[in-house]
Amino acid sequence: MSFQDSARAAETAMRDVFPPTPLLRNDLLSARFGADIWLKREDLSPVRSYKLRGAFNAMRKVMAKDAVFVCASAGNHAQGVAYMCRHFGVHGVIFMPVTTPQQKILKTKMFGGAHVEVRLTGDYFDETLSSAQDFCADTGGHFLSPFDDEDVIEGQASVAVEIEAQLGRLPDRIVLPVGGGGLSAGTRSYFADSVAYTFVEPHGAMSLAEALRAGQPVDVSPISSFVDGAAVAKIGQRTFARLSDVSPADVLNIPEDRICTTIVEMLNVEGLVLEPAGALSVDALKDIRDQIAGQTVVCVTSGGNFDFERLPEVKERAQRYSGIKKYFILRMPQRPGALKDFLSILGPEDDIARFEYLKKSARNFGSVLIGIETQRPENFDRLRAALDAGGFTYSDITNDEMLAQFVI
């Protein structure tokens, strides 16, 4: 049986569990980029990500009522495995890092119910994974890889099967987020060379790009975990085998702060709740604008498990990337009226979002941490000119990552 036939069989079997996720044309993006833009809404699956597809396919291939399925995950894979354990009526043991947010732990338990046991172990994922694999060795449990498994790749390819059926034709291009590579490997194996591809990674975890450069999977640690659904330090061996001939020109990396601008816009304008990895494909349209004019493009929004406690951070990062929020360390003379002099140079669109003043009585100057929001980036040019003209000494620390960790 060909890979395409196997993927179609997997997609057919899934219909006993959940309906196809929608493929929806987006008018806003289509008008903006002069193309026919469609969103494959994996954020609307029962677990709000595509991960249950691979879990379902891998589990049905080895199904036995006495089987114990094991995985290590801090997010979407754990929830997909939990959901399928309950569906198949089998026992699952899910290892999660101790640092996993309670929201994700509770959702995993909710999806699995009495059929899953969650074990918190290790501060870092590598420790969690090691514990899960040791458990399998000791008990004979069946380990479910989040991506580096042929049955998982085949299951993720069901996304492509649905796109073909729902669109009624082949798209010109598919834009895919890349983490471990399961979704990308499955989709590319299904469509082969009949469509063009854009693969998108977060800047802080470029595992596919570095693997292509080295000719084999390489560990790109340390990575940024902000785009947690795609923050993988090393692409899978099996997934890379299916992606090894990808052109490096078709692999993009996007700064984490820029992804935040898309998350905020999709939420505020379109009402779409996307996690950072789920926004990758939409954000990438900015970089391929010249390539897609007049084309039919499908962006896979891979997940919507967004913790709204992260929203202030996402908004903050989006504003900083857009240039409408900056932080300064300002030397303020310790004299009456100095603060008033500073306030007088702020423009009508400038707003103080943070102000901390440390007065030291033995000195002539005090240090001020000040955060300023404005409506247009060019307002900061005027503000800097006014600060210089007023004789103020200041430092822009907005993009100083070390300082930002402590004071922003």
Protein backbone atom coordinates (compact mmCIF):
# COMPACT_ATOMS: atom_id res chain seq x y z
CA MET A 1 0.00 0.00 0.00
CA SER A 2 1.37 3.43 -0.91
CA PHE A 3 1.89 6.14 1.68
CA GLN A 4 -1.01 8.07 0.15
CA ASP A 5 -3.33 5.08 0.48
CA SER A 6 -2.22 4.51 4.09
CA ALA A 7 -2.84 8.16 4.93
CA ARG A 8 -6.32 7.98 3.39
CA ALA A 9 -7.07 4.83 5.38
CA ALA A 10 -5.94 6.56 8.58
CA GLU A 11 -8.13 9.58 7.80
CA THR A 12 -11.14 7.34 7.17
CA ALA A 13 -10.62 5.52 10.46
CA MET A 14 -10.46 8.83 12.34
CA ARG A 15 -14.02 9.65 11.38
CA ASP A 16 -15.16 7.28 14.11
CA VAL A 17 -13.48 9.63 16.61
CA PHE A 18 -13.84 13.20 15.36
CA PRO A 19 -14.98 15.08 12.23
CA PRO A 20 -12.59 16.78 9.80
CA THR A 21 -11.28 20.10 11.00
CA PRO A 22 -12.53 23.06 8.90
CA LEU A 23 -10.69 24.53 5.94
CA LEU A 24 -11.79 28.16 5.87
CA ARG A 25 -10.97 30.97 3.46
CA ASN A 26 -9.73 34.07 5.27
CA ASP A 27 -10.87 37.29 3.62
CA LEU A 28 -8.57 39.55 5.65
CA LEU A 29 -5.40 37.68 4.71
CA SER A 30 -6.52 37.11 1.13
CA ALA A 31 -7.03 40.84 0.59
CA ARG A 32 -3.80 41.77 2.35
CA PHE A 33 -1.56 39.42 0.38
CA GLY A 34 -3.38 39.40 -2.95
CA ALA A 35 -3.87 35.65 -2.82
CA ASP A 36 -6.51 33.05 -2.03
CA ILE A 37 -5.59 32.26 1.59
CA TRP A 38 -7.17 29.32 3.41
CA LEU A 39 -6.63 28.26 7.02
CA LYS A 40 -6.64 24.59 7.93
CA ARG A 41 -8.01 24.95 11.44
CA GLU A 42 -6.29 22.26 13.50
CA ASP A 43 -6.88 24.56 16.46
CA LEU A 44 -10.51 23.36 16.25
CA SER A 45 -9.82 19.65 16.79
CA PRO A 46 -11.19 18.07 20.00
CA VAL A 47 -7.86 18.75 21.74
CA ARG A 48 -7.21 22.02 19.87
CA SER A 49 -4.22 20.66 17.94
CA TYR A 50 -3.41 18.11 15.24
CA LYS A 51 -1.50 15.89 17.67
CA LEU A 52 -4.37 13.49 18.33
CA ARG A 53 -4.13 12.34 14.70
CA GLY A 54 -0.71 10.78 15.08
CA ALA A 55 -1.57 9.41 18.51
CA PHE A 56 -4.72 7.77 17.13
CA ASN A 57 -2.95 6.16 14.19
CA ALA A 58 -0.02 4.86 16.23
CA MET A 59 -2.30 3.43 18.92
CA ARG A 60 -4.71 1.71 16.54
CA LYS A 61 -1.80 -0.09 14.88
CA VAL A 62 -0.72 -1.80 18.12
CA MET A 63 -4.04 -1.92 19.91
CA ALA A 64 -4.46 -4.42 22.73
CA LYS A 65 -6.70 -4.02 25.72
CA ASP A 66 -3.88 -4.82 28.11
CA ALA A 67 -1.49 -2.36 26.45
CA VAL A 68 -0.01 0.47 28.48
CA PHE A 69 0.77 3.53 26.37
CA VAL A 70 3.43 5.92 27.55
CA CYS A 71 4.46 9.37 26.41
CA ALA A 72 6.52 12.32 27.54
CA SER A 73 5.09 15.74 26.78
CA ALA A 74 4.34 19.11 28.33
CA GLY A 75 1.49 19.99 26.00
CA ASN A 76 -0.39 19.00 22.87
CA HIS A 77 1.00 15.48 22.44
CA ALA A 78 0.06 14.63 26.04
CA GLN A 79 -3.48 15.82 25.47
CA GLY A 80 -3.80 13.90 22.21
CA VAL A 81 -2.57 10.68 23.81
CA ALA A 82 -4.88 11.17 26.80
CA TYR A 83 -7.89 11.71 24.53
CA MET A 84 -7.14 8.54 22.59
CA CYS A 85 -6.53 6.46 25.71
CA ARG A 86 -10.06 7.27 26.82
CA HIS A 87 -11.43 6.60 23.33
CA PHE A 88 -9.79 3.18 23.07
CA GLY A 89 -10.39 2.34 26.73
CA VAL A 90 -6.72 1.65 27.43
CA HIS A 91 -4.35 2.77 30.15
CA GLY A 92 -1.91 5.61 29.56
CA VAL A 93 0.96 6.91 31.66
CA ILE A 94 1.90 10.45 30.73
CA PHE A 95 5.15 11.93 31.97
CA MET A 96 5.27 15.73 32.22
CA PRO A 97 7.96 18.08 33.56
CA VAL A 98 7.41 19.35 37.09
CA THR A 99 7.42 22.85 35.63
CA THR A 100 4.40 22.19 33.37
CA PRO A 101 1.66 24.83 33.88
CA GLN A 102 -1.32 23.57 35.86
CA GLN A 103 -3.65 24.40 32.98
CA LYS A 104 -1.95 21.81 30.75
CA ILE A 105 -1.86 19.18 33.48
CA LEU A 106 -5.56 19.63 34.22
CA LYS A 107 -6.53 19.48 30.55
CA THR A 108 -4.54 16.29 30.06
CA LYS A 109 -6.29 14.70 33.02
CA MET A 110 -9.65 15.95 31.75
CA PHE A 111 -9.18 14.41 28.30
CA GLY A 112 -7.96 11.08 29.66
CA GLY A 113 -10.18 10.74 32.70
CA ALA A 114 -9.73 7.50 34.60
CA HIS A 115 -7.69 6.03 31.76
CA VAL A 116 -4.57 8.13 32.27
CA GLU A 117 -2.04 8.64 35.01
CA VAL A 118 0.02 11.81 34.96
CA ARG A 119 3.50 11.65 36.47
CA LEU A 120 5.42 14.86 37.05
CA THR A 121 9.15 14.33 36.90
CA GLY A 122 12.19 16.39 35.98
CA ASP A 123 12.66 20.12 35.66
CA TYR A 124 13.58 19.81 31.98
CA PHE A 125 12.06 17.79 29.16
CA ASP A 126 15.14 15.63 28.62
CA GLU A 127 14.80 14.37 32.20
CA THR A 128 11.09 13.74 31.67
CA LEU A 129 11.74 11.82 28.46
CA SER A 130 14.40 9.69 30.12
CA SER A 131 11.98 8.78 32.92
CA ALA A 132 9.30 7.79 30.42
CA GLN A 133 11.70 5.60 28.44
CA ASP A 134 13.02 3.95 31.62
CA PHE A 135 9.43 3.22 32.64
CA CYS A 136 8.78 1.55 29.28
CA ALA A 137 11.91 -0.57 29.62
CA ASP A 138 10.90 -1.70 33.10
CA THR A 139 7.22 -2.39 32.40
CA GLY A 140 7.02 -3.22 28.72
CA GLY A 141 4.91 -0.16 28.02
CA HIS A 142 4.50 1.09 24.46
CA PHE A 143 6.20 4.46 23.99
CA LEU A 144 4.35 6.93 21.78
CA SER A 145 6.75 9.35 20.14
CA PRO A 146 5.36 12.83 19.48
CA PHE A 147 6.79 12.86 15.94
CA ASP A 148 9.61 10.41 15.19
CA ASP A 149 7.47 7.39 14.34
CA GLU A 150 6.23 6.19 10.95
CA ASP A 151 2.69 5.60 12.21
CA VAL A 152 2.60 9.09 13.75
CA ILE A 153 3.83 10.62 10.48
CA GLU A 154 1.16 8.69 8.60
CA GLY A 155 -1.49 9.92 11.03
CA GLN A 156 -0.44 13.54 10.69
CA ALA A 157 -0.69 13.16 6.91
CA SER A 158 -4.47 12.95 7.38
CA VAL A 159 -4.34 16.77 7.51
CA ALA A 160 -3.25 16.72 3.86
CA VAL A 161 -5.94 14.18 2.95
CA GLU A 162 -8.60 16.51 4.33
CA ILE A 163 -7.15 19.59 2.61
CA GLU A 164 -7.32 17.86 -0.77
CA ALA A 165 -10.92 16.75 -0.24
CA GLN A 166 -12.16 20.03 1.24
CA LEU A 167 -10.50 22.32 -1.29
CA GLY A 168 -11.56 20.13 -4.19
CA ARG A 169 -8.23 20.73 -5.87
CA LEU A 170 -4.57 20.99 -4.95
CA PRO A 171 -3.38 24.27 -3.46
CA ASP A 172 -0.45 26.03 -5.06
CA ARG A 173 1.40 26.22 -1.74
CA ILE A 174 1.10 24.86 1.81
CA VAL A 175 2.63 26.72 4.76
CA LEU A 176 3.55 24.43 7.65
CA PRO A 177 5.00 24.98 11.12
CA VAL A 178 7.95 22.75 11.97
CA GLY A 179 8.98 21.39 15.36
CA GLY A 180 9.92 17.73 15.39
CA GLY A 181 8.76 17.42 11.79
CA GLY A 182 5.82 14.98 12.03
CA LEU A 183 3.22 17.23 10.39
CA SER A 184 5.63 18.48 7.71
CA ALA A 185 6.95 15.01 6.89
CA GLY A 186 3.45 13.58 6.63
CA THR A 187 2.08 16.40 4.49
CA ARG A 188 5.06 16.47 2.13
CA SER A 189 5.04 12.69 1.78
CA TYR A 190 1.37 12.83 0.82
CA PHE A 191 1.48 15.69 -1.69
CA ALA A 192 5.07 15.00 -2.85
CA ASP A 193 6.10 17.55 -5.50
CA SER A 194 2.58 18.43 -6.62
CA VAL A 195 2.50 21.58 -4.44
CA ALA A 196 5.04 24.13 -3.22
CA TYR A 197 5.95 24.32 0.46
CA THR A 198 7.00 26.86 3.01
CA PHE A 199 8.28 25.40 6.28
CA VAL A 200 8.34 27.75 9.25
CA GLU A 201 10.37 27.50 12.46
CA PRO A 202 10.70 29.84 15.43
CA HIS A 203 14.02 31.70 15.40
CA GLY A 204 14.95 30.17 18.75
CA ALA A 205 14.61 26.55 17.59
CA MET A 206 15.76 26.11 13.98
CA SER A 207 16.11 22.33 14.03
CA LEU A 208 15.16 21.72 10.37
CA ALA A 209 17.33 24.51 8.97
CA GLU A 210 20.36 23.32 10.91
CA ALA A 211 19.74 19.69 9.98
CA LEU A 212 19.63 20.64 6.29
CA ARG A 213 22.89 22.56 6.73
CA ALA A 214 24.58 19.59 8.43
CA GLY A 215 22.98 16.89 6.32
CA GLN A 216 21.62 15.14 9.42
CA PRO A 217 19.64 15.96 12.56
CA VAL A 218 21.67 18.04 14.99
CA ASP A 219 20.97 19.31 18.49
CA VAL A 220 20.45 23.08 18.41
CA SER A 221 20.29 23.53 22.18
CA PRO A 222 19.82 25.82 23.96
CA ILE A 223 16.48 26.74 22.43
CA SER A 224 13.80 29.27 23.23
CA SER A 225 10.72 27.56 24.63
CA PHE A 226 8.34 30.45 23.92
CA VAL A 227 6.85 28.79 20.82
CA ASP A 228 6.38 25.64 22.85
CA GLY A 229 4.45 23.71 20.20
CA ALA A 230 7.42 23.96 17.81
CA ALA A 231 10.35 24.37 20.19
CA VAL A 232 12.27 21.16 19.47
CA ALA A 233 16.04 20.99 19.85
CA LYS A 234 16.54 18.14 17.38
CA ILE A 235 14.33 17.12 14.48
CA GLY A 236 13.48 13.42 14.31
CA GLN A 237 15.55 10.92 12.34
CA ARG A 238 12.50 9.53 10.53
CA THR A 239 10.95 12.91 9.88
CA PHE A 240 14.21 14.32 8.55
CA ALA A 241 14.60 11.36 6.22
CA ARG A 242 11.39 12.58 4.55
CA LEU A 243 12.50 16.23 4.54
CA SER A 244 16.23 15.93 3.80
CA ASP A 245 15.88 17.12 0.20
CA VAL A 246 13.90 20.25 1.10
CA SER A 247 15.43 23.42 -0.30
CA PRO A 248 16.84 25.62 2.49
CA ALA A 249 15.22 28.56 0.66
CA ASP A 250 11.81 27.09 1.58
CA VAL A 251 12.60 27.08 5.30
CA LEU A 252 11.91 30.29 7.18
CA ASN A 253 12.61 31.28 10.75
CA ILE A 254 10.55 33.94 12.49
CA PRO A 255 11.47 35.98 15.59
CA GLU A 256 9.37 35.07 18.59
CA ASP A 257 8.36 38.70 19.17
CA ARG A 258 7.05 39.02 15.61
CA ILE A 259 4.90 35.92 16.06
CA CYS A 260 3.25 37.76 18.95
CA THR A 261 2.03 40.50 16.61
CA THR A 262 0.13 37.87 14.61
CA ILE A 263 -1.31 36.21 17.72
CA VAL A 264 -2.66 39.58 18.89
CA GLU A 265 -4.06 40.54 15.48
CA MET A 266 -5.75 37.19 14.90
CA LEU A 267 -7.33 37.41 18.34
CA ASN A 268 -8.44 41.05 18.16
CA VAL A 269 -9.48 41.21 14.51
CA GLU A 270 -10.50 37.68 13.55
CA GLY A 271 -11.41 36.20 16.93
CA LEU A 272 -9.00 33.29 16.41
CA VAL A 273 -7.24 31.95 19.48
CA LEU A 274 -3.88 30.63 18.29
CA GLU A 275 -0.96 29.39 20.33
CA PRO A 276 2.47 30.64 19.18
CA ALA A 277 3.12 27.56 17.04
CA GLY A 278 -0.36 27.84 15.58
CA ALA A 279 0.38 31.39 14.41
CA LEU A 280 3.66 30.50 12.66
CA SER A 281 2.14 29.71 9.27
CA VAL A 282 0.02 32.86 9.22
CA ASP A 283 2.93 35.08 10.23
CA ALA A 284 5.11 33.57 7.49
CA LEU A 285 2.86 35.10 4.81
CA LYS A 286 4.69 38.40 5.42
CA ASP A 287 7.91 36.84 4.15
CA ILE A 288 6.50 35.09 1.06
CA ARG A 289 4.22 37.90 -0.14
CA ASP A 290 6.04 38.18 -3.49
CA GLN A 291 5.87 34.42 -4.11
CA ILE A 292 2.15 33.88 -3.50
CA ALA A 293 0.40 36.71 -5.38
CA GLY A 294 -2.64 35.24 -7.15
CA GLN A 295 -2.05 31.75 -5.75
CA THR A 296 -4.14 29.44 -3.58
CA VAL A 297 -2.31 29.05 -0.28
CA VAL A 298 -3.20 26.86 2.70
CA CYS A 299 -1.78 27.78 6.11
CA VAL A 300 -2.03 25.08 8.75
CA THR A 301 -2.92 26.67 12.08
CA SER A 302 -1.56 23.79 14.08
CA GLY A 303 -2.89 24.55 17.55
CA GLY A 304 -4.97 26.83 19.75
CA ASN A 305 -3.95 25.79 23.25
CA PHE A 306 -3.21 29.30 24.38
CA ASP A 307 -2.97 30.03 28.10
CA PHE A 308 -4.51 33.47 28.54
CA GLU A 309 -2.24 34.08 31.49
CA ARG A 310 0.42 34.55 28.79
CA LEU A 311 -1.53 37.30 27.05
CA PRO A 312 0.19 40.21 28.86
CA GLU A 313 3.58 38.81 27.83
CA VAL A 314 2.42 38.29 24.24
CA LYS A 315 1.07 41.84 24.05
CA GLU A 316 4.29 43.19 25.56
CA ARG A 317 6.47 41.37 23.04
CA ALA A 318 4.24 42.43 20.15
CA GLN A 319 4.44 46.09 21.15
CA ARG A 320 8.20 45.97 21.52
CA TYR A 321 8.62 44.30 18.13
CA SER A 322 6.29 46.84 16.50
CA GLY A 323 8.36 49.67 17.96
CA ILE A 324 5.51 51.26 19.90
CA LYS A 325 6.81 50.39 23.36
CA LYS A 326 10.28 51.02 24.70
CA TYR A 327 12.13 50.98 28.00
CA PHE A 328 14.77 53.47 29.08
CA ILE A 329 17.11 53.92 32.01
CA LEU A 330 17.13 57.67 32.63
CA ARG A 331 19.46 59.69 34.88
CA MET A 332 17.24 62.15 36.68
CA PRO A 333 18.80 65.20 38.46
CA GLN A 334 17.83 65.24 42.13
CA ARG A 335 16.39 68.71 42.16
CA PRO A 336 12.85 70.06 42.49
CA GLY A 337 11.09 70.21 39.14
CA ALA A 338 13.29 67.68 37.34
CA LEU A 339 10.44 65.20 36.92
CA LYS A 340 8.15 67.98 35.68
CA ASP A 341 10.76 68.94 33.08
CA PHE A 342 10.88 65.38 31.84
CA LEU A 343 7.11 65.01 31.67
CA SER A 344 6.84 68.18 29.62
CA ILE A 345 8.72 66.63 26.71
CA LEU A 346 6.30 63.73 26.29
CA GLY A 347 4.05 64.01 23.25
CA PRO A 348 0.24 63.75 23.10
CA GLU A 349 0.44 60.10 21.94
CA ASP A 350 3.00 59.03 24.58
CA ASP A 351 1.90 57.14 27.67
CA ILE A 352 3.98 56.10 30.68
CA ALA A 353 3.49 52.38 31.23
CA ARG A 354 6.24 51.83 33.83
CA PHE A 355 7.99 54.21 36.19
CA GLU A 356 10.40 53.26 38.95
CA TYR A 357 12.58 55.91 40.62
CA LEU A 358 15.35 55.04 43.05
CA LYS A 359 16.39 58.15 44.97
CA LYS A 360 19.79 57.97 46.64
CA SER A 361 20.29 60.87 49.06
CA ALA A 362 24.09 60.95 48.74
CA ARG A 363 24.02 61.49 44.99
CA ASN A 364 23.11 64.29 42.63
CA PHE A 365 21.29 61.98 40.20
CA GLY A 366 18.81 59.15 40.57
CA SER A 367 18.12 56.29 38.16
CA VAL A 368 14.68 55.91 36.61
CA LEU A 369 13.34 52.85 34.80
CA ILE A 370 10.65 54.12 32.49
CA GLY A 371 8.47 52.30 29.98
CA ILE A 372 6.70 54.35 27.34
CA GLU A 373 3.93 53.28 24.97
CA THR A 374 3.01 55.34 21.96
CA GLN A 375 0.82 55.02 18.90
CA ARG A 376 3.47 55.28 16.16
CA PRO A 377 7.12 54.14 16.18
CA GLU A 378 8.33 57.46 14.78
CA ASN A 379 7.19 59.21 17.97
CA PHE A 380 10.31 57.85 19.64
CA ASP A 381 12.49 59.79 17.20
CA ARG A 382 10.91 63.00 18.46
CA LEU A 383 11.23 61.86 22.08
CA ARG A 384 14.94 61.07 21.75
CA ALA A 385 15.58 64.44 20.12
CA ALA A 386 13.78 66.16 23.00
CA LEU A 387 15.75 64.17 25.59
CA ASP A 388 19.02 65.11 23.89
CA ALA A 389 18.02 68.76 23.68
CA GLY A 390 17.06 68.74 27.37
CA GLY A 391 20.45 67.37 28.39
CA PHE A 392 19.09 64.09 29.75
CA THR A 393 21.35 61.03 29.90
CA TYR A 394 19.52 57.83 29.00
CA SER A 395 19.93 54.30 27.66
CA ASP A 396 17.42 52.36 25.56
CA ILE A 397 17.29 48.86 27.09
CA THR A 398 14.30 47.57 25.10
CA ASN A 399 16.32 44.97 23.20
CA ASP A 400 18.80 44.14 25.93
CA GLU A 401 17.72 40.57 26.66
CA MET A 402 19.83 40.27 29.82
CA LEU A 403 18.44 43.42 31.41
CA ALA A 404 14.93 42.63 30.21
CA GLN A 405 14.93 39.40 32.22
CA PHE A 406 15.41 41.36 35.41
CA VAL A 407 13.59 44.65 34.97
CA ILE A 408 10.92 44.25 32.26
